[in-house]
Amino acid sequence: MRKLDFKDYLGCLVVSIVLLGMMATQASALDLTGTWVGKQHWHGFNGQTFSDLKKDVTLAITQVGNYLSLDVNGTHWNGLVIEDARKPERKGEILFIDCDTTTDLIADRENQIWNAMGRAKVRINKQTAMIETTSIIGGEDVAGFNWVVTIDSKYTRVDTQDPGVPPCP
């Protein structure tokens, strides 16, 4: 039996590093981590049409690879970054879903208020970073009323520090 030498250990180390690198989460060129502020325009129907404008909305994003953990004024979401093929560091889109969304449109009334998902367009240049979203939310509320809302939002990034948003459980 041959005794292992330094070259054998070095070879094992190189193979281990290559394998770990292959298992690592793919990094995204489009970095959305940070705190964003903006406004939302709600258009809804609950038996009658209604609308509302919400200002001073805060969006916090923690990004790991192409995966996002988002917090919008206390509501938690998971997201996925899809980079633009021609300008991956400046443009892209996001698919996002509320952490509590289920396939049951009439969910547990004590714990579930809505089901929600959406899509966003992202643009980043040297001076500004913008996210424009469209979300569809709805369901049956705690009083038993059915409703559906489209929310159009616009956000601008004000800080690039990671706010530490945890992923959905």
C-alpha atoms as a PDB file:
ATOM      1  CA  MET A   1       0.000   0.000   0.000  1.00  0.00           C
ATOM      2  CA  ARG A   2       1.353   3.391  -1.059  1.00  0.00           C
ATOM      3  CA  LYS A   3       1.783   6.167   1.485  1.00  0.00           C
ATOM      4  CA  LEU A   4      -0.131   9.414   0.689  1.00  0.00           C
ATOM      5  CA  ASP A   5       2.039  12.432   0.051  1.00  0.00           C
ATOM      6  CA  PHE A   6       1.505  16.186  -0.331  1.00  0.00           C
ATOM      7  CA  LYS A   7       0.464  15.847  -4.020  1.00  0.00           C
ATOM      8  CA  ASP A   8      -2.328  13.427  -3.090  1.00  0.00           C
ATOM      9  CA  TYR A   9      -3.692  15.826  -0.451  1.00  0.00           C
ATOM     10  CA  LEU A  10      -3.422  18.745  -2.872  1.00  0.00           C
ATOM     11  CA  GLY A  11      -5.307  16.764  -5.527  1.00  0.00           C
ATOM     12  CA  CYS A  12      -8.118  15.982  -3.065  1.00  0.00           C
ATOM     13  CA  LEU A  13      -8.298  19.638  -2.059  1.00  0.00           C
ATOM     14  CA  VAL A  14      -8.601  20.788  -5.686  1.00  0.00           C
ATOM     15  CA  VAL A  15     -11.341  18.220  -6.444  1.00  0.00           C
ATOM     16  CA  SER A  16     -13.222  19.274  -3.275  1.00  0.00           C
ATOM     17  CA  ILE A  17     -13.068  22.970  -4.200  1.00  0.00           C
ATOM     18  CA  VAL A  18     -14.325  22.242  -7.727  1.00  0.00           C
ATOM     19  CA  LEU A  19     -17.225  20.152  -6.404  1.00  0.00           C
ATOM     20  CA  LEU A  20     -18.196  22.808  -3.844  1.00  0.00           C
ATOM     21  CA  GLY A  21     -18.093  25.464  -6.546  1.00  0.00           C
ATOM     22  CA  MET A  22     -20.422  23.403  -8.719  1.00  0.00           C
ATOM     23  CA  MET A  23     -22.872  23.053  -5.832  1.00  0.00           C
ATOM     24  CA  ALA A  24     -22.855  26.764  -4.925  1.00  0.00           C
ATOM     25  CA  THR A  25     -25.850  28.921  -5.780  1.00  0.00           C
ATOM     26  CA  GLN A  26     -25.498  30.647  -9.111  1.00  0.00           C
ATOM     27  CA  ALA A  27     -24.680  34.299  -8.583  1.00  0.00           C
ATOM     28  CA  SER A  28     -26.881  36.872 -10.239  1.00  0.00           C
ATOM     29  CA  ALA A  29     -25.407  39.788 -12.146  1.00  0.00           C
ATOM     30  CA  LEU A  30     -28.536  41.783 -11.259  1.00  0.00           C
ATOM     31  CA  ASP A  31     -28.136  42.636  -7.552  1.00  0.00           C
ATOM     32  CA  LEU A  32     -31.391  43.842  -5.965  1.00  0.00           C
ATOM     33  CA  THR A  33     -30.331  43.669  -2.311  1.00  0.00           C
ATOM     34  CA  GLY A  34     -31.291  46.707  -0.289  1.00  0.00           C
ATOM     35  CA  THR A  35     -34.113  48.954   0.835  1.00  0.00           C
ATOM     36  CA  TRP A  36     -36.523  50.442  -1.683  1.00  0.00           C
ATOM     37  CA  VAL A  37     -39.274  53.044  -1.180  1.00  0.00           C
ATOM     38  CA  GLY A  38     -42.262  53.829  -3.331  1.00  0.00           C
ATOM     39  CA  LYS A  39     -46.003  53.795  -3.696  1.00  0.00           C
ATOM     40  CA  GLN A  40     -48.780  51.372  -4.595  1.00  0.00           C
ATOM     41  CA  HIS A  41     -51.977  51.943  -6.542  1.00  0.00           C
ATOM     42  CA  TRP A  42     -54.692  49.409  -5.678  1.00  0.00           C
ATOM     43  CA  HIS A  43     -57.537  48.626  -8.134  1.00  0.00           C
ATOM     44  CA  GLY A  44     -60.021  46.149  -6.748  1.00  0.00           C
ATOM     45  CA  PHE A  45     -63.427  44.552  -6.797  1.00  0.00           C
ATOM     46  CA  ASN A  46     -65.421  43.209  -3.826  1.00  0.00           C
ATOM     47  CA  GLY A  47     -68.896  43.460  -5.336  1.00  0.00           C
ATOM     48  CA  GLN A  48     -68.116  47.012  -6.324  1.00  0.00           C
ATOM     49  CA  THR A  49     -65.060  48.691  -7.821  1.00  0.00           C
ATOM     50  CA  PHE A  50     -62.639  50.462  -5.492  1.00  0.00           C
ATOM     51  CA  SER A  51     -59.165  51.996  -5.649  1.00  0.00           C
ATOM     52  CA  ASP A  52     -56.613  53.311  -3.194  1.00  0.00           C
ATOM     53  CA  LEU A  53     -53.191  54.956  -3.314  1.00  0.00           C
ATOM     54  CA  LYS A  54     -50.677  53.932  -0.665  1.00  0.00           C
ATOM     55  CA  LYS A  55     -47.611  56.123  -0.295  1.00  0.00           C
ATOM     56  CA  ASP A  56     -44.441  55.551   1.719  1.00  0.00           C
ATOM     57  CA  VAL A  57     -44.314  51.817   1.058  1.00  0.00           C
ATOM     58  CA  THR A  58     -41.028  50.146   2.021  1.00  0.00           C
ATOM     59  CA  LEU A  59     -39.675  47.120   0.162  1.00  0.00           C
ATOM     60  CA  ALA A  60     -36.700  45.290   1.703  1.00  0.00           C
ATOM     61  CA  ILE A  61     -34.837  42.685  -0.370  1.00  0.00           C
ATOM     62  CA  THR A  62     -32.206  40.131   0.591  1.00  0.00           C
ATOM     63  CA  GLN A  63     -30.764  38.317  -2.420  1.00  0.00           C
ATOM     64  CA  VAL A  64     -28.846  35.027  -2.469  1.00  0.00           C
ATOM     65  CA  GLY A  65     -27.895  34.061  -6.016  1.00  0.00           C
ATOM     66  CA  ASN A  66     -31.062  34.423  -8.081  1.00  0.00           C
ATOM     67  CA  TYR A  67     -33.363  33.929  -5.071  1.00  0.00           C
ATOM     68  CA  LEU A  68     -35.019  36.805  -3.224  1.00  0.00           C
ATOM     69  CA  SER A  69     -36.546  37.212   0.211  1.00  0.00           C
ATOM     70  CA  LEU A  70     -38.785  40.276   0.213  1.00  0.00           C
ATOM     71  CA  ASP A  71     -40.621  42.238   2.883  1.00  0.00           C
ATOM     72  CA  VAL A  72     -43.247  44.802   1.867  1.00  0.00           C
ATOM     73  CA  ASN A  73     -44.383  46.714   4.965  1.00  0.00           C
ATOM     74  CA  GLY A  74     -44.315  43.496   7.021  1.00  0.00           C
ATOM     75  CA  THR A  75     -45.652  41.077   4.383  1.00  0.00           C
ATOM     76  CA  HIS A  76     -43.128  38.400   3.394  1.00  0.00           C
ATOM     77  CA  TRP A  77     -42.543  37.085  -0.126  1.00  0.00           C
ATOM     78  CA  ASN A  78     -40.149  34.798  -1.999  1.00  0.00           C
ATOM     79  CA  GLY A  79     -38.894  35.780  -5.432  1.00  0.00           C
ATOM     80  CA  LEU A  80     -36.799  34.704  -8.376  1.00  0.00           C
ATOM     81  CA  VAL A  81     -34.630  37.041 -10.491  1.00  0.00           C
ATOM     82  CA  ILE A  82     -34.678  36.515 -14.261  1.00  0.00           C
ATOM     83  CA  GLU A  83     -31.914  38.527 -15.914  1.00  0.00           C
ATOM     84  CA  ASP A  84     -32.192  40.192 -19.308  1.00  0.00           C
ATOM     85  CA  ALA A  85     -30.039  38.202 -21.777  1.00  0.00           C
ATOM     86  CA  ARG A  86     -28.520  41.332 -23.326  1.00  0.00           C
ATOM     87  CA  LYS A  87     -28.066  43.485 -20.197  1.00  0.00           C
ATOM     88  CA  PRO A  88     -28.000  41.062 -17.234  1.00  0.00           C
ATOM     89  CA  GLU A  89     -26.472  43.566 -14.788  1.00  0.00           C
ATOM     90  CA  ARG A  90     -28.961  46.351 -15.628  1.00  0.00           C
ATOM     91  CA  LYS A  91     -32.314  44.826 -16.571  1.00  0.00           C
ATOM     92  CA  GLY A  92     -34.492  41.888 -15.688  1.00  0.00           C
ATOM     93  CA  GLU A  93     -37.736  40.700 -14.196  1.00  0.00           C
ATOM     94  CA  ILE A  94     -38.827  39.154 -10.927  1.00  0.00           C
ATOM     95  CA  LEU A  95     -41.417  36.500 -10.195  1.00  0.00           C
ATOM     96  CA  PHE A  96     -42.651  36.732  -6.598  1.00  0.00           C
ATOM     97  CA  ILE A  97     -45.200  35.011  -4.369  1.00  0.00           C
ATOM     98  CA  ASP A  98     -46.518  35.761  -0.884  1.00  0.00           C
ATOM     99  CA  CYS A  99     -45.167  33.327   1.723  1.00  0.00           C
ATOM    100  CA  ASP A 100     -48.666  32.371   2.890  1.00  0.00           C
ATOM    101  CA  THR A 101     -50.178  31.767  -0.554  1.00  0.00           C
ATOM    102  CA  THR A 102     -51.895  28.408  -1.007  1.00  0.00           C
ATOM    103  CA  THR A 103     -53.996  26.787  -3.723  1.00  0.00           C
ATOM    104  CA  ASP A 104     -57.074  27.247  -1.523  1.00  0.00           C
ATOM    105  CA  LEU A 105     -58.788  30.506  -2.520  1.00  0.00           C
ATOM    106  CA  ILE A 106     -60.976  30.273   0.584  1.00  0.00           C
ATOM    107  CA  ALA A 107     -58.222  29.557   3.060  1.00  0.00           C
ATOM    108  CA  ASP A 108     -58.112  29.290   6.848  1.00  0.00           C
ATOM    109  CA  ARG A 109     -59.831  32.541   7.825  1.00  0.00           C
ATOM    110  CA  GLU A 110     -57.964  32.909  11.093  1.00  0.00           C
ATOM    111  CA  ASN A 111     -54.493  32.727   9.526  1.00  0.00           C
ATOM    112  CA  GLN A 112     -54.844  33.426   5.800  1.00  0.00           C
ATOM    113  CA  ILE A 113     -56.071  36.773   4.559  1.00  0.00           C
ATOM    114  CA  TRP A 114     -55.117  36.501   0.880  1.00  0.00           C
ATOM    115  CA  ASN A 115     -53.338  34.642  -1.865  1.00  0.00           C
ATOM    116  CA  ALA A 116     -50.906  36.712  -3.900  1.00  0.00           C
ATOM    117  CA  MET A 117     -48.275  36.614  -6.583  1.00  0.00           C
ATOM    118  CA  GLY A 118     -46.793  39.026  -9.060  1.00  0.00           C
ATOM    119  CA  ARG A 119     -44.281  40.101 -11.612  1.00  0.00           C
ATOM    120  CA  ALA A 120     -41.831  43.015 -11.647  1.00  0.00           C
ATOM    121  CA  LYS A 121     -39.598  44.791 -14.133  1.00  0.00           C
ATOM    122  CA  VAL A 122     -36.198  45.967 -12.916  1.00  0.00           C
ATOM    123  CA  ARG A 123     -33.983  48.723 -14.346  1.00  0.00           C
ATOM    124  CA  ILE A 124     -30.659  49.749 -12.842  1.00  0.00           C
ATOM    125  CA  ASN A 125     -28.370  52.480 -14.143  1.00  0.00           C
ATOM    126  CA  LYS A 126     -25.555  54.517 -12.606  1.00  0.00           C
ATOM    127  CA  GLN A 127     -27.862  56.958 -10.797  1.00  0.00           C
ATOM    128  CA  THR A 128     -31.029  55.000  -9.989  1.00  0.00           C
ATOM    129  CA  ALA A 129     -32.480  51.544  -9.509  1.00  0.00           C
ATOM    130  CA  MET A 130     -36.208  51.096 -10.179  1.00  0.00           C
ATOM    131  CA  ILE A 131     -38.643  48.216  -9.681  1.00  0.00           C
ATOM    132  CA  GLU A 132     -42.155  48.325 -11.155  1.00  0.00           C
ATOM    133  CA  THR A 133     -44.474  45.567  -9.983  1.00  0.00           C
ATOM    134  CA  THR A 134     -47.903  44.209 -10.754  1.00  0.00           C
ATOM    135  CA  SER A 135     -49.427  41.946  -8.110  1.00  0.00           C
ATOM    136  CA  ILE A 136     -52.719  40.082  -8.056  1.00  0.00           C
ATOM    137  CA  ILE A 137     -54.115  39.350  -4.609  1.00  0.00           C
ATOM    138  CA  GLY A 138     -57.459  38.131  -3.434  1.00  0.00           C
ATOM    139  CA  GLY A 139     -59.490  35.581  -1.578  1.00  0.00           C
ATOM    140  CA  GLU A 140     -62.081  35.592   1.153  1.00  0.00           C
ATOM    141  CA  ASP A 141     -61.539  37.842   4.153  1.00  0.00           C
ATOM    142  CA  VAL A 142     -62.288  37.080   7.802  1.00  0.00           C
ATOM    143  CA  ALA A 143     -65.832  38.454   7.440  1.00  0.00           C
ATOM    144  CA  GLY A 144     -66.515  36.109   4.506  1.00  0.00           C
ATOM    145  CA  PHE A 145     -66.341  38.735   1.737  1.00  0.00           C
ATOM    146  CA  ASN A 146     -64.667  37.769  -1.537  1.00  0.00           C
ATOM    147  CA  TRP A 147     -62.348  40.273  -3.183  1.00  0.00           C
ATOM    148  CA  VAL A 148     -59.624  40.648  -5.800  1.00  0.00           C
ATOM    149  CA  VAL A 149     -57.074  43.470  -6.202  1.00  0.00           C
ATOM    150  CA  THR A 150     -54.440  44.399  -8.755  1.00  0.00           C
ATOM    151  CA  ILE A 151     -51.613  46.409  -7.214  1.00  0.00           C
ATOM    152  CA  ASP A 152     -49.305  48.466  -9.411  1.00  0.00           C
ATOM    153  CA  SER A 153     -46.204  49.629  -7.535  1.00  0.00           C
ATOM    154  CA  LYS A 154     -43.100  51.689  -8.251  1.00  0.00           C
ATOM    155  CA  TYR A 155     -40.017  51.591  -6.033  1.00  0.00           C
ATOM    156  CA  THR A 156     -36.626  53.314  -6.037  1.00  0.00           C
ATOM    157  CA  ARG A 157     -33.653  51.876  -4.155  1.00  0.00           C
ATOM    158  CA  VAL A 158     -32.463  54.139  -1.321  1.00  0.00           C
ATOM    159  CA  ASP A 159     -29.911  51.815   0.326  1.00  0.00           C
ATOM    160  CA  THR A 160     -27.833  48.870  -0.949  1.00  0.00           C
ATOM    161  CA  GLN A 161     -27.131  47.368   2.500  1.00  0.00           C
ATOM    162  CA  ASP A 162     -28.603  43.901   3.068  1.00  0.00           C
ATOM    163  CA  PRO A 163     -31.687  44.309   5.334  1.00  0.00           C
ATOM    164  CA  GLY A 164     -31.491  40.625   6.386  1.00  0.00           C
ATOM    165  CA  VAL A 165     -34.957  39.506   5.202  1.00  0.00           C
ATOM    166  CA  PRO A 166     -35.317  35.790   6.022  1.00  0.00           C
ATOM    167  CA  PRO A 167     -36.680  33.381   3.385  1.00  0.00           C
ATOM    168  CA  CYS A 168     -40.206  32.022   3.705  1.00  0.00           C
ATOM    169  CA  PRO A 169     -40.450  29.087   6.100  1.00  0.00           C
END
